[in-house]
């Protein structure tokens, strides 16, 4: 009997060896133990928006042949993601416990948590000063001439250490930025009613309903205009949501001798926009802030944005002058911009 069992075992072994040809695939032997999963990540705040973070997944899987894994993110109850290394913008500043859960191909999981203090982005804007007594501080942008258009922006004037605040200006001009040839220029004050400086007739000055300016407060300004290529353009102005004047005719304050030049400069509409601070004959330790600039054109029959700048993508302290390299300007602003840099709220 014993010999019979030995013979049968030998025959079975020979059968197994014979059946395994060169074309046969050896059976896959599963990993005997579960994987070892370690969840890990790092985070980096965005330089331009402090609400936005980039997350880098550094998780690893060991102990099994297939080291792939899936990721599940919970951004402190503010949102979720299944991307491996996502970017996420939080809805508001606050403290968020960000949780990453990693699942290996065999079902094994690991989680890790990082507490992130999210701060609201600091507002940035154009900061215009007047530190020289032979010119004004100025931010200027030039575009292709716009026959019918609108410019909107926010501004505020802020006193310096010496409690000095000078007037700010918005000048909408055509082909020439000479004052008497402007389409319209408005003087923005801090403790008195605003007023026209250029481009307004006596009738327009009398009809205007200017509010009194205030310091340290953001105020919205809108100027629209319409040219017909034959006559002086008309313009409308609103400040702080209040209509100042509607469809006033642009004129020159330079007398009869400037009428022809004024018409030639503005007949095509607006092309130059200047934010000026203080005057040529003095300096000021105050500041003129300008933000959320948007220029629109309706020349195509519909509203099209020509230029915009909210300054959030810029670096605090940077000069807004484009520099001397015309082929590679540092900013889109005009080379005559001076004493204009990027400001930032504390």
C-alpha atoms as a PDB file:
ATOM      1  CA  UNK A   1       0.000   0.000   0.000  1.00  0.00           C
ATOM      2  CA  UNK A   2       2.793   2.367   0.863  1.00  0.00           C
ATOM      3  CA  UNK A   3       4.471   1.755  -2.473  1.00  0.00           C
ATOM      4  CA  UNK A   4       1.199   2.441  -4.275  1.00  0.00           C
ATOM      5  CA  UNK A   5       0.859   5.874  -2.629  1.00  0.00           C
ATOM      6  CA  UNK A   6       4.424   6.773  -3.540  1.00  0.00           C
ATOM      7  CA  UNK A   7       3.842   5.830  -7.162  1.00  0.00           C
ATOM      8  CA  UNK A   8       0.646   7.934  -7.315  1.00  0.00           C
ATOM      9  CA  UNK A   9       2.424  10.996  -5.844  1.00  0.00           C
ATOM     10  CA  UNK A  10       5.230  10.629  -8.379  1.00  0.00           C
ATOM     11  CA  UNK A  11       2.761  10.413 -11.262  1.00  0.00           C
ATOM     12  CA  UNK A  12       0.951  13.562 -10.034  1.00  0.00           C
ATOM     13  CA  UNK A  13       4.224  15.499  -9.830  1.00  0.00           C
ATOM     14  CA  UNK A  14       5.202  14.387 -13.333  1.00  0.00           C
ATOM     15  CA  UNK A  15       1.803  15.482 -14.637  1.00  0.00           C
ATOM     16  CA  UNK A  16       2.181  18.976 -13.150  1.00  0.00           C
ATOM     17  CA  UNK A  17       5.689  19.377 -14.550  1.00  0.00           C
ATOM     18  CA  UNK A  18       4.645  18.182 -18.004  1.00  0.00           C
ATOM     19  CA  UNK A  19       1.601  20.514 -18.128  1.00  0.00           C
ATOM     20  CA  UNK A  20       3.708  23.675 -17.523  1.00  0.00           C
ATOM     21  CA  UNK A  21       4.942  24.552 -21.028  1.00  0.00           C
ATOM     22  CA  UNK A  22       6.952  27.584 -22.065  1.00  0.00           C
ATOM     23  CA  UNK A  23       3.780  29.495 -23.030  1.00  0.00           C
ATOM     24  CA  UNK A  24       2.053  29.076 -19.701  1.00  0.00           C
ATOM     25  CA  UNK A  25       1.991  31.936 -17.164  1.00  0.00           C
ATOM     26  CA  UNK A  26       2.914  31.151 -13.625  1.00  0.00           C
ATOM     27  CA  UNK A  27       0.100  31.893 -11.139  1.00  0.00           C
ATOM     28  CA  UNK A  28       0.240  35.284  -9.374  1.00  0.00           C
ATOM     29  CA  UNK A  29       0.850  34.903  -5.712  1.00  0.00           C
ATOM     30  CA  UNK A  30      -0.910  37.747  -3.798  1.00  0.00           C
ATOM     31  CA  UNK A  31       0.964  39.858  -1.310  1.00  0.00           C
ATOM     32  CA  UNK A  32       0.568  38.082   1.972  1.00  0.00           C
ATOM     33  CA  UNK A  33       0.225  41.220   4.135  1.00  0.00           C
ATOM     34  CA  UNK A  34      -1.813  44.465   3.803  1.00  0.00           C
ATOM     35  CA  UNK A  35      -0.067  47.605   2.516  1.00  0.00           C
ATOM     36  CA  UNK A  36       1.527  50.265   4.674  1.00  0.00           C
ATOM     37  CA  UNK A  37      -0.049  53.667   3.863  1.00  0.00           C
ATOM     38  CA  UNK A  38       1.343  56.989   5.062  1.00  0.00           C
ATOM     39  CA  UNK A  39      -0.736  60.111   4.239  1.00  0.00           C
ATOM     40  CA  UNK A  40       1.255  63.328   4.020  1.00  0.00           C
ATOM     41  CA  UNK A  41       0.959  66.735   2.341  1.00  0.00           C
ATOM     42  CA  UNK A  42       2.331  70.268   2.327  1.00  0.00           C
ATOM     43  CA  UNK A  43       0.532  73.540   1.607  1.00  0.00           C
ATOM     44  CA  UNK A  44       1.554  76.863   0.051  1.00  0.00           C
ATOM     45  CA  UNK A  45      -0.446  80.101   0.044  1.00  0.00           C
ATOM     46  CA  UNK A  46      -0.844  81.875  -3.307  1.00  0.00           C
ATOM     47  CA  UNK A  47       1.240  85.046  -3.611  1.00  0.00           C
ATOM     48  CA  UNK A  48      -1.585  86.983  -5.254  1.00  0.00           C
ATOM     49  CA  UNK A  49      -4.578  85.752  -3.235  1.00  0.00           C
ATOM     50  CA  UNK A  50      -4.152  84.771   0.405  1.00  0.00           C
ATOM     51  CA  UNK A  51      -7.431  82.798   0.313  1.00  0.00           C
ATOM     52  CA  UNK A  52      -5.970  80.356  -2.241  1.00  0.00           C
ATOM     53  CA  UNK A  53      -3.690  77.465  -1.286  1.00  0.00           C
ATOM     54  CA  UNK A  54      -1.858  74.850  -3.338  1.00  0.00           C
ATOM     55  CA  UNK A  55      -1.625  71.397  -1.734  1.00  0.00           C
ATOM     56  CA  UNK A  56       1.147  68.929  -2.616  1.00  0.00           C
ATOM     57  CA  UNK A  57       0.396  65.273  -1.873  1.00  0.00           C
ATOM     58  CA  UNK A  58       3.470  63.482  -0.511  1.00  0.00           C
ATOM     59  CA  UNK A  59       1.715  60.254   0.526  1.00  0.00           C
ATOM     60  CA  UNK A  60       3.355  56.841   0.000  1.00  0.00           C
ATOM     61  CA  UNK A  61       2.214  53.219  -0.179  1.00  0.00           C
ATOM     62  CA  UNK A  62       4.622  50.366   0.670  1.00  0.00           C
ATOM     63  CA  UNK A  63       4.381  46.617   1.137  1.00  0.00           C
ATOM     64  CA  UNK A  64       2.491  45.722  -2.062  1.00  0.00           C
ATOM     65  CA  UNK A  65       3.360  45.718  -5.753  1.00  0.00           C
ATOM     66  CA  UNK A  66       0.667  48.255  -6.778  1.00  0.00           C
ATOM     67  CA  UNK A  67       1.613  51.433  -4.945  1.00  0.00           C
ATOM     68  CA  UNK A  68      -1.084  53.647  -6.458  1.00  0.00           C
ATOM     69  CA  UNK A  69      -3.648  55.360  -4.237  1.00  0.00           C
ATOM     70  CA  UNK A  70      -6.699  57.608  -4.367  1.00  0.00           C
ATOM     71  CA  UNK A  71      -7.022  60.872  -2.456  1.00  0.00           C
ATOM     72  CA  UNK A  72      -9.916  62.489  -0.640  1.00  0.00           C
ATOM     73  CA  UNK A  73      -9.586  66.056   0.669  1.00  0.00           C
ATOM     74  CA  UNK A  74     -11.803  67.874   3.144  1.00  0.00           C
ATOM     75  CA  UNK A  75     -10.950  71.572   3.399  1.00  0.00           C
ATOM     76  CA  UNK A  76     -12.260  72.123   6.899  1.00  0.00           C
ATOM     77  CA  UNK A  77     -15.901  71.851   5.824  1.00  0.00           C
ATOM     78  CA  UNK A  78     -15.417  74.566   3.192  1.00  0.00           C
ATOM     79  CA  UNK A  79     -15.136  72.164   0.256  1.00  0.00           C
ATOM     80  CA  UNK A  80     -13.773  68.815  -0.943  1.00  0.00           C
ATOM     81  CA  UNK A  81     -11.605  67.417  -3.722  1.00  0.00           C
ATOM     82  CA  UNK A  82     -10.473  64.048  -5.095  1.00  0.00           C
ATOM     83  CA  UNK A  83      -7.513  65.449  -7.030  1.00  0.00           C
ATOM     84  CA  UNK A  84      -4.118  64.178  -5.983  1.00  0.00           C
ATOM     85  CA  UNK A  85      -2.628  67.657  -5.430  1.00  0.00           C
ATOM     86  CA  UNK A  86      -5.384  70.259  -5.682  1.00  0.00           C
ATOM     87  CA  UNK A  87      -5.543  74.042  -5.453  1.00  0.00           C
ATOM     88  CA  UNK A  88      -8.366  75.433  -3.332  1.00  0.00           C
ATOM     89  CA  UNK A  89      -9.733  78.902  -2.607  1.00  0.00           C
ATOM     90  CA  UNK A  90     -11.328  79.257   0.809  1.00  0.00           C
ATOM     91  CA  UNK A  91     -14.545  81.253   1.030  1.00  0.00           C
ATOM     92  CA  UNK A  92     -13.374  83.508   3.871  1.00  0.00           C
ATOM     93  CA  UNK A  93     -10.580  84.001   6.350  1.00  0.00           C
ATOM     94  CA  UNK A  94     -10.565  81.714   9.376  1.00  0.00           C
ATOM     95  CA  UNK A  95      -9.080  78.535  10.845  1.00  0.00           C
ATOM     96  CA  UNK A  96      -9.529  75.377   8.766  1.00  0.00           C
ATOM     97  CA  UNK A  97      -8.580  71.760   9.597  1.00  0.00           C
ATOM     98  CA  UNK A  98      -7.603  70.309   6.220  1.00  0.00           C
ATOM     99  CA  UNK A  99      -7.861  66.500   6.145  1.00  0.00           C
ATOM    100  CA  UNK A 100      -6.287  64.226   3.521  1.00  0.00           C
ATOM    101  CA  UNK A 101      -7.388  60.589   3.395  1.00  0.00           C
ATOM    102  CA  UNK A 102      -5.366  58.228   1.171  1.00  0.00           C
ATOM    103  CA  UNK A 103      -6.673  54.795   0.104  1.00  0.00           C
ATOM    104  CA  UNK A 104      -4.320  52.141  -1.306  1.00  0.00           C
ATOM    105  CA  UNK A 105      -5.343  49.656  -4.009  1.00  0.00           C
ATOM    106  CA  UNK A 106      -5.932  46.941  -1.381  1.00  0.00           C
ATOM    107  CA  UNK A 107      -8.276  49.181   0.621  1.00  0.00           C
ATOM    108  CA  UNK A 108      -5.888  50.184   3.355  1.00  0.00           C
ATOM    109  CA  UNK A 109      -6.224  53.870   4.413  1.00  0.00           C
ATOM    110  CA  UNK A 110      -4.420  56.583   6.312  1.00  0.00           C
ATOM    111  CA  UNK A 111      -5.387  60.185   7.114  1.00  0.00           C
ATOM    112  CA  UNK A 112      -3.512  63.294   8.155  1.00  0.00           C
ATOM    113  CA  UNK A 113      -4.690  66.743   9.263  1.00  0.00           C
ATOM    114  CA  UNK A 114      -3.128  70.201   9.066  1.00  0.00           C
ATOM    115  CA  UNK A 115      -4.623  73.322  10.632  1.00  0.00           C
ATOM    116  CA  UNK A 116      -4.360  76.360   8.333  1.00  0.00           C
ATOM    117  CA  UNK A 117      -4.882  79.973   9.356  1.00  0.00           C
ATOM    118  CA  UNK A 118      -6.374  81.647   6.306  1.00  0.00           C
ATOM    119  CA  UNK A 119      -6.275  85.438   6.107  1.00  0.00           C
ATOM    120  CA  UNK A 120      -8.270  87.675   3.805  1.00  0.00           C
ATOM    121  CA  UNK A 121      -6.240  89.206   0.957  1.00  0.00           C
ATOM    122  CA  UNK A 122      -4.968  92.719   1.543  1.00  0.00           C
ATOM    123  CA  UNK A 123      -6.392  95.276  -0.841  1.00  0.00           C
ATOM    124  CA  UNK A 124      -3.881  96.797  -3.268  1.00  0.00           C
ATOM    125  CA  UNK A 125      -4.276  99.971  -5.288  1.00  0.00           C
ATOM    126  CA  UNK A 126      -2.396 102.717  -7.096  1.00  0.00           C
ATOM    127  CA  UNK A 127      -0.781 105.072  -4.588  1.00  0.00           C
ATOM    128  CA  UNK A 128      -0.089 108.531  -6.036  1.00  0.00           C
ATOM    129  CA  UNK A 129       1.942 111.137  -4.173  1.00  0.00           C
ATOM    130  CA  UNK A 130       3.501 114.493  -5.027  1.00  0.00           C
ATOM    131  CA  UNK A 131       7.036 114.597  -3.709  1.00  0.00           C
ATOM    132  CA  UNK A 132       8.456 117.166  -6.155  1.00  0.00           C
ATOM    133  CA  UNK A 133       7.662 120.851  -6.476  1.00  0.00           C
ATOM    134  CA  UNK A 134       8.010 120.956 -10.277  1.00  0.00           C
ATOM    135  CA  UNK A 135       5.260 118.506 -11.275  1.00  0.00           C
ATOM    136  CA  UNK A 136       2.226 116.598 -10.024  1.00  0.00           C
ATOM    137  CA  UNK A 137       2.064 112.963  -9.047  1.00  0.00           C
ATOM    138  CA  UNK A 138       0.434 111.151 -11.948  1.00  0.00           C
ATOM    139  CA  UNK A 139      -0.848 107.779 -13.115  1.00  0.00           C
ATOM    140  CA  UNK A 140      -1.701 107.710 -16.825  1.00  0.00           C
ATOM    141  CA  UNK A 141      -3.062 105.073 -19.190  1.00  0.00           C
ATOM    142  CA  UNK A 142      -3.339 105.527 -22.960  1.00  0.00           C
ATOM    143  CA  UNK A 143      -5.574 103.423 -25.228  1.00  0.00           C
ATOM    144  CA  UNK A 144      -6.777 103.554 -28.828  1.00  0.00           C
ATOM    145  CA  UNK A 145      -9.303 106.331 -29.238  1.00  0.00           C
ATOM    146  CA  UNK A 146     -12.803 105.419 -27.979  1.00  0.00           C
ATOM    147  CA  UNK A 147     -15.704 107.285 -29.570  1.00  0.00           C
ATOM    148  CA  UNK A 148     -18.358 106.199 -27.061  1.00  0.00           C
ATOM    149  CA  UNK A 149     -17.178 104.852 -23.745  1.00  0.00           C
ATOM    150  CA  UNK A 150     -17.155 104.764 -19.952  1.00  0.00           C
ATOM    151  CA  UNK A 151     -14.447 104.786 -17.304  1.00  0.00           C
ATOM    152  CA  UNK A 152     -15.107 103.708 -13.726  1.00  0.00           C
ATOM    153  CA  UNK A 153     -12.784 103.634 -10.724  1.00  0.00           C
ATOM    154  CA  UNK A 154     -12.704 104.048  -6.945  1.00  0.00           C
ATOM    155  CA  UNK A 155     -10.621 106.656  -5.185  1.00  0.00           C
ATOM    156  CA  UNK A 156      -9.784 108.003  -1.755  1.00  0.00           C
ATOM    157  CA  UNK A 157      -7.529 110.746  -0.452  1.00  0.00           C
ATOM    158  CA  UNK A 158      -5.525 110.140   2.713  1.00  0.00           C
ATOM    159  CA  UNK A 159      -3.671 112.604   4.915  1.00  0.00           C
ATOM    160  CA  UNK A 160       0.021 112.206   5.604  1.00  0.00           C
ATOM    161  CA  UNK A 161       1.936 112.668   8.863  1.00  0.00           C
ATOM    162  CA  UNK A 162       1.583 116.423   8.496  1.00  0.00           C
ATOM    163  CA  UNK A 163      -2.191 116.055   8.051  1.00  0.00           C
ATOM    164  CA  UNK A 164      -1.873 117.485   4.567  1.00  0.00           C
ATOM    165  CA  UNK A 165      -4.281 116.471   1.768  1.00  0.00           C
ATOM    166  CA  UNK A 166      -4.225 118.069  -1.659  1.00  0.00           C
ATOM    167  CA  UNK A 167      -6.727 117.741  -4.502  1.00  0.00           C
ATOM    168  CA  UNK A 168      -6.891 114.658  -6.682  1.00  0.00           C
ATOM    169  CA  UNK A 169      -7.983 114.799 -10.320  1.00  0.00           C
ATOM    170  CA  UNK A 170      -9.435 112.593 -13.007  1.00  0.00           C
ATOM    171  CA  UNK A 171      -8.693 113.857 -16.521  1.00  0.00           C
ATOM    172  CA  UNK A 172     -10.390 112.279 -19.533  1.00  0.00           C
ATOM    173  CA  UNK A 173      -8.622 113.494 -22.685  1.00  0.00           C
ATOM    174  CA  UNK A 174      -8.431 112.842 -26.384  1.00  0.00           C
ATOM    175  CA  UNK A 175      -5.235 113.086 -28.409  1.00  0.00           C
ATOM    176  CA  UNK A 176      -3.772 115.827 -26.166  1.00  0.00           C
ATOM    177  CA  UNK A 177      -3.410 115.883 -22.377  1.00  0.00           C
ATOM    178  CA  UNK A 178      -3.001 119.671 -22.262  1.00  0.00           C
ATOM    179  CA  UNK A 179      -5.522 120.928 -19.709  1.00  0.00           C
ATOM    180  CA  UNK A 180      -7.402 123.341 -21.953  1.00  0.00           C
ATOM    181  CA  UNK A 181      -7.782 120.622 -24.577  1.00  0.00           C
ATOM    182  CA  UNK A 182      -9.165 117.962 -22.222  1.00  0.00           C
ATOM    183  CA  UNK A 183     -12.541 116.394 -22.800  1.00  0.00           C
ATOM    184  CA  UNK A 184     -13.303 116.874 -19.086  1.00  0.00           C
ATOM    185  CA  UNK A 185     -11.319 117.064 -15.844  1.00  0.00           C
ATOM    186  CA  UNK A 186     -12.814 116.862 -12.348  1.00  0.00           C
ATOM    187  CA  UNK A 187     -11.120 118.100  -9.158  1.00  0.00           C
ATOM    188  CA  UNK A 188     -11.702 115.716  -6.236  1.00  0.00           C
ATOM    189  CA  UNK A 189     -11.559 117.342  -2.805  1.00  0.00           C
ATOM    190  CA  UNK A 190     -11.501 116.064   0.759  1.00  0.00           C
ATOM    191  CA  UNK A 191     -13.436 118.751   2.671  1.00  0.00           C
ATOM    192  CA  UNK A 192     -15.304 120.805   0.073  1.00  0.00           C
ATOM    193  CA  UNK A 193     -17.576 120.129  -2.909  1.00  0.00           C
ATOM    194  CA  UNK A 194     -15.802 118.617  -5.913  1.00  0.00           C
ATOM    195  CA  UNK A 195     -15.646 120.808  -9.013  1.00  0.00           C
ATOM    196  CA  UNK A 196     -14.827 120.915 -12.699  1.00  0.00           C
ATOM    197  CA  UNK A 197     -11.317 122.009 -13.627  1.00  0.00           C
ATOM    198  CA  UNK A 198     -11.385 121.603 -17.410  1.00  0.00           C
ATOM    199  CA  UNK A 199     -13.888 120.944 -20.164  1.00  0.00           C
ATOM    200  CA  UNK A 200     -16.932 122.558 -18.540  1.00  0.00           C
ATOM    201  CA  UNK A 201     -18.889 125.582 -19.721  1.00  0.00           C
ATOM    202  CA  UNK A 202     -20.397 128.104 -17.312  1.00  0.00           C
ATOM    203  CA  UNK A 203     -23.762 126.405 -17.837  1.00  0.00           C
ATOM    204  CA  UNK A 204     -22.316 122.988 -16.965  1.00  0.00           C
ATOM    205  CA  UNK A 205     -20.649 124.392 -13.848  1.00  0.00           C
ATOM    206  CA  UNK A 206     -23.910 125.951 -12.712  1.00  0.00           C
ATOM    207  CA  UNK A 207     -25.919 122.791 -13.416  1.00  0.00           C
ATOM    208  CA  UNK A 208     -23.520 120.349 -11.749  1.00  0.00           C
ATOM    209  CA  UNK A 209     -24.587 118.837  -8.455  1.00  0.00           C
ATOM    210  CA  UNK A 210     -21.257 118.021  -6.795  1.00  0.00           C
ATOM    211  CA  UNK A 211     -21.224 116.403  -3.331  1.00  0.00           C
ATOM    212  CA  UNK A 212     -18.633 117.331  -0.727  1.00  0.00           C
ATOM    213  CA  UNK A 213     -15.505 115.239  -0.702  1.00  0.00           C
ATOM    214  CA  UNK A 214     -14.382 113.265   2.338  1.00  0.00           C
ATOM    215  CA  UNK A 215     -11.046 111.839   3.391  1.00  0.00           C
ATOM    216  CA  UNK A 216     -10.160 108.191   4.075  1.00  0.00           C
ATOM    217  CA  UNK A 217     -13.216 106.746   2.310  1.00  0.00           C
ATOM    218  CA  UNK A 218     -13.415 104.890  -0.979  1.00  0.00           C
ATOM    219  CA  UNK A 219     -15.729 106.649  -3.447  1.00  0.00           C
ATOM    220  CA  UNK A 220     -16.868 105.383  -6.851  1.00  0.00           C
ATOM    221  CA  UNK A 221     -16.496 107.651  -9.895  1.00  0.00           C
ATOM    222  CA  UNK A 222     -17.940 107.156 -13.379  1.00  0.00           C
ATOM    223  CA  UNK A 223     -17.332 109.299 -16.455  1.00  0.00           C
ATOM    224  CA  UNK A 224     -18.959 108.517 -19.806  1.00  0.00           C
ATOM    225  CA  UNK A 225     -18.625 110.335 -23.120  1.00  0.00           C
ATOM    226  CA  UNK A 226     -19.872 110.282 -26.702  1.00  0.00           C
ATOM    227  CA  UNK A 227     -18.205 111.778 -29.800  1.00  0.00           C
ATOM    228  CA  UNK A 228     -19.620 112.064 -33.323  1.00  0.00           C
ATOM    229  CA  UNK A 229     -16.419 113.035 -35.212  1.00  0.00           C
ATOM    230  CA  UNK A 230     -17.879 116.476 -36.028  1.00  0.00           C
ATOM    231  CA  UNK A 231     -18.768 118.317 -32.815  1.00  0.00           C
ATOM    232  CA  UNK A 232     -17.295 118.565 -29.291  1.00  0.00           C
ATOM    233  CA  UNK A 233     -18.174 115.368 -27.369  1.00  0.00           C
ATOM    234  CA  UNK A 234     -20.721 115.249 -24.577  1.00  0.00           C
ATOM    235  CA  UNK A 235     -19.960 113.718 -21.186  1.00  0.00           C
ATOM    236  CA  UNK A 236     -21.730 112.618 -17.997  1.00  0.00           C
ATOM    237  CA  UNK A 237     -20.275 112.316 -14.499  1.00  0.00           C
ATOM    238  CA  UNK A 238     -21.403 110.498 -11.349  1.00  0.00           C
ATOM    239  CA  UNK A 239     -19.627 110.410  -7.979  1.00  0.00           C
ATOM    240  CA  UNK A 240     -20.549 108.124  -5.104  1.00  0.00           C
ATOM    241  CA  UNK A 241     -23.572 106.886  -7.036  1.00  0.00           C
ATOM    242  CA  UNK A 242     -24.940 110.425  -7.464  1.00  0.00           C
ATOM    243  CA  UNK A 243     -25.425 111.916 -10.923  1.00  0.00           C
ATOM    244  CA  UNK A 244     -23.403 115.126 -11.177  1.00  0.00           C
ATOM    245  CA  UNK A 245     -24.250 116.121 -14.732  1.00  0.00           C
ATOM    246  CA  UNK A 246     -25.594 114.433 -17.852  1.00  0.00           C
ATOM    247  CA  UNK A 247     -24.713 115.116 -21.490  1.00  0.00           C
ATOM    248  CA  UNK A 248     -22.666 118.259 -20.871  1.00  0.00           C
ATOM    249  CA  UNK A 249     -20.832 119.601 -23.925  1.00  0.00           C
ATOM    250  CA  UNK A 250     -17.044 119.492 -23.684  1.00  0.00           C
ATOM    251  CA  UNK A 251     -15.513 122.935 -24.074  1.00  0.00           C
ATOM    252  CA  UNK A 252     -12.198 124.704 -23.603  1.00  0.00           C
ATOM    253  CA  UNK A 253     -11.286 127.048 -20.770  1.00  0.00           C
ATOM    254  CA  UNK A 254      -8.455 128.546 -22.820  1.00  0.00           C
ATOM    255  CA  UNK A 255     -10.471 131.145 -24.669  1.00  0.00           C
ATOM    256  CA  UNK A 256     -11.409 131.529 -28.317  1.00  0.00           C
ATOM    257  CA  UNK A 257      -7.880 130.808 -29.459  1.00  0.00           C
ATOM    258  CA  UNK A 258      -8.094 127.212 -28.178  1.00  0.00           C
ATOM    259  CA  UNK A 259     -11.493 126.322 -29.650  1.00  0.00           C
ATOM    260  CA  UNK A 260     -10.102 124.861 -32.876  1.00  0.00           C
ATOM    261  CA  UNK A 261      -7.328 122.916 -31.121  1.00  0.00           C
ATOM    262  CA  UNK A 262      -9.771 121.642 -28.495  1.00  0.00           C
ATOM    263  CA  UNK A 263     -12.131 120.284 -31.124  1.00  0.00           C
ATOM    264  CA  UNK A 264      -9.267 118.611 -32.980  1.00  0.00           C
ATOM    265  CA  UNK A 265      -8.078 116.938 -29.748  1.00  0.00           C
ATOM    266  CA  UNK A 266     -11.458 115.540 -28.644  1.00  0.00           C
ATOM    267  CA  UNK A 267     -13.406 115.053 -31.869  1.00  0.00           C
ATOM    268  CA  UNK A 268     -12.580 111.311 -31.951  1.00  0.00           C
ATOM    269  CA  UNK A 269     -13.417 110.725 -28.283  1.00  0.00           C
ATOM    270  CA  UNK A 270     -11.159 109.730 -25.378  1.00  0.00           C
ATOM    271  CA  UNK A 271      -7.748 108.078 -25.510  1.00  0.00           C
ATOM    272  CA  UNK A 272      -5.841 109.295 -22.421  1.00  0.00           C
ATOM    273  CA  UNK A 273      -6.812 109.007 -18.773  1.00  0.00           C
ATOM    274  CA  UNK A 274      -4.846 110.720 -16.003  1.00  0.00           C
ATOM    275  CA  UNK A 275      -5.121 110.545 -12.231  1.00  0.00           C
ATOM    276  CA  UNK A 276      -3.137 113.517 -10.929  1.00  0.00           C
ATOM    277  CA  UNK A 277      -2.416 114.619  -7.372  1.00  0.00           C
ATOM    278  CA  UNK A 278      -1.540 118.029  -5.918  1.00  0.00           C
ATOM    279  CA  UNK A 279      -0.022 120.722  -8.165  1.00  0.00           C
ATOM    280  CA  UNK A 280       3.136 121.681 -10.019  1.00  0.00           C
ATOM    281  CA  UNK A 281       4.182 124.281  -7.471  1.00  0.00           C
ATOM    282  CA  UNK A 282       4.094 122.327  -4.212  1.00  0.00           C
ATOM    283  CA  UNK A 283       4.684 118.987  -2.534  1.00  0.00           C
ATOM    284  CA  UNK A 284       2.373 117.015  -0.256  1.00  0.00           C
ATOM    285  CA  UNK A 285       2.740 114.259   2.308  1.00  0.00           C
ATOM    286  CA  UNK A 286      -0.833 113.179   1.604  1.00  0.00           C
ATOM    287  CA  UNK A 287      -1.822 110.378  -0.779  1.00  0.00           C
ATOM    288  CA  UNK A 288      -4.287 109.816  -3.608  1.00  0.00           C
ATOM    289  CA  UNK A 289      -5.429 106.189  -3.957  1.00  0.00           C
ATOM    290  CA  UNK A 290      -7.018 104.789  -7.124  1.00  0.00           C
ATOM    291  CA  UNK A 291      -8.440 101.285  -7.493  1.00  0.00           C
ATOM    292  CA  UNK A 292     -10.619  99.048  -9.684  1.00  0.00           C
ATOM    293  CA  UNK A 293     -10.014 100.929 -12.924  1.00  0.00           C
ATOM    294  CA  UNK A 294     -12.178  99.744 -15.834  1.00  0.00           C
ATOM    295  CA  UNK A 295     -12.414 101.347 -19.280  1.00  0.00           C
ATOM    296  CA  UNK A 296     -15.265 100.333 -21.599  1.00  0.00           C
ATOM    297  CA  UNK A 297     -15.914 100.961 -25.281  1.00  0.00           C
ATOM    298  CA  UNK A 298     -19.276 100.821 -27.017  1.00  0.00           C
ATOM    299  CA  UNK A 299     -17.888 101.560 -30.476  1.00  0.00           C
ATOM    300  CA  UNK A 300     -18.820  98.076 -31.708  1.00  0.00           C
ATOM    301  CA  UNK A 301     -22.427  98.493 -30.629  1.00  0.00           C
ATOM    302  CA  UNK A 302     -21.964  96.535 -27.417  1.00  0.00           C
ATOM    303  CA  UNK A 303     -20.101  97.093 -24.166  1.00  0.00           C
ATOM    304  CA  UNK A 304     -16.516  95.802 -24.458  1.00  0.00           C
ATOM    305  CA  UNK A 305     -13.841  96.065 -21.774  1.00  0.00           C
ATOM    306  CA  UNK A 306     -10.718  97.779 -23.079  1.00  0.00           C
ATOM    307  CA  UNK A 307      -8.643  97.923 -19.898  1.00  0.00           C
ATOM    308  CA  UNK A 308      -8.952  96.959 -16.244  1.00  0.00           C
ATOM    309  CA  UNK A 309      -6.679  96.862 -13.205  1.00  0.00           C
ATOM    310  CA  UNK A 310      -7.583  96.034  -9.611  1.00  0.00           C
ATOM    311  CA  UNK A 311      -3.858  95.921  -8.654  1.00  0.00           C
ATOM    312  CA  UNK A 312      -4.281  92.631  -6.754  1.00  0.00           C
ATOM    313  CA  UNK A 313      -1.850  90.850  -9.040  1.00  0.00           C
ATOM    314  CA  UNK A 314       0.848  93.431  -8.355  1.00  0.00           C
ATOM    315  CA  UNK A 315       3.446  93.647  -5.587  1.00  0.00           C
ATOM    316  CA  UNK A 316       3.149  96.314  -2.910  1.00  0.00           C
ATOM    317  CA  UNK A 317       5.740  99.034  -3.396  1.00  0.00           C
ATOM    318  CA  UNK A 318       6.335  98.384  -7.100  1.00  0.00           C
ATOM    319  CA  UNK A 319       6.669 101.437  -9.352  1.00  0.00           C
ATOM    320  CA  UNK A 320       3.818 101.756 -11.873  1.00  0.00           C
ATOM    321  CA  UNK A 321       6.003 103.548 -14.419  1.00  0.00           C
ATOM    322  CA  UNK A 322       6.583 101.141 -17.362  1.00  0.00           C
ATOM    323  CA  UNK A 323      10.340 101.749 -17.472  1.00  0.00           C
ATOM    324  CA  UNK A 324      12.567 102.610 -20.414  1.00  0.00           C
ATOM    325  CA  UNK A 325      12.276  99.358 -22.386  1.00  0.00           C
ATOM    326  CA  UNK A 326       9.405 100.055 -24.784  1.00  0.00           C
ATOM    327  CA  UNK A 327       9.413  96.475 -26.086  1.00  0.00           C
ATOM    328  CA  UNK A 328       9.122  94.984 -22.606  1.00  0.00           C
ATOM    329  CA  UNK A 329       7.272  97.504 -20.412  1.00  0.00           C
ATOM    330  CA  UNK A 330       7.008  96.697 -16.720  1.00  0.00           C
ATOM    331  CA  UNK A 331       3.409  97.956 -16.520  1.00  0.00           C
ATOM    332  CA  UNK A 332       0.719  98.946 -19.054  1.00  0.00           C
ATOM    333  CA  UNK A 333       0.790 102.557 -17.877  1.00  0.00           C
ATOM    334  CA  UNK A 334       2.181 105.579 -19.701  1.00  0.00           C
ATOM    335  CA  UNK A 335       5.828 106.613 -19.361  1.00  0.00           C
ATOM    336  CA  UNK A 336       4.723 109.958 -17.900  1.00  0.00           C
ATOM    337  CA  UNK A 337       3.415 108.203 -14.796  1.00  0.00           C
ATOM    338  CA  UNK A 338       5.413 109.493 -11.819  1.00  0.00           C
ATOM    339  CA  UNK A 339       5.207 109.182  -8.031  1.00  0.00           C
ATOM    340  CA  UNK A 340       2.796 106.301  -8.639  1.00  0.00           C
ATOM    341  CA  UNK A 341       3.355 102.919  -7.003  1.00  0.00           C
ATOM    342  CA  UNK A 342       1.373  99.966  -5.654  1.00  0.00           C
ATOM    343  CA  UNK A 343      -0.097 100.584  -2.210  1.00  0.00           C
ATOM    344  CA  UNK A 344      -1.470  97.975   0.189  1.00  0.00           C
ATOM    345  CA  UNK A 345      -3.826  98.222   3.145  1.00  0.00           C
ATOM    346  CA  UNK A 346      -2.453  97.015   6.460  1.00  0.00           C
END
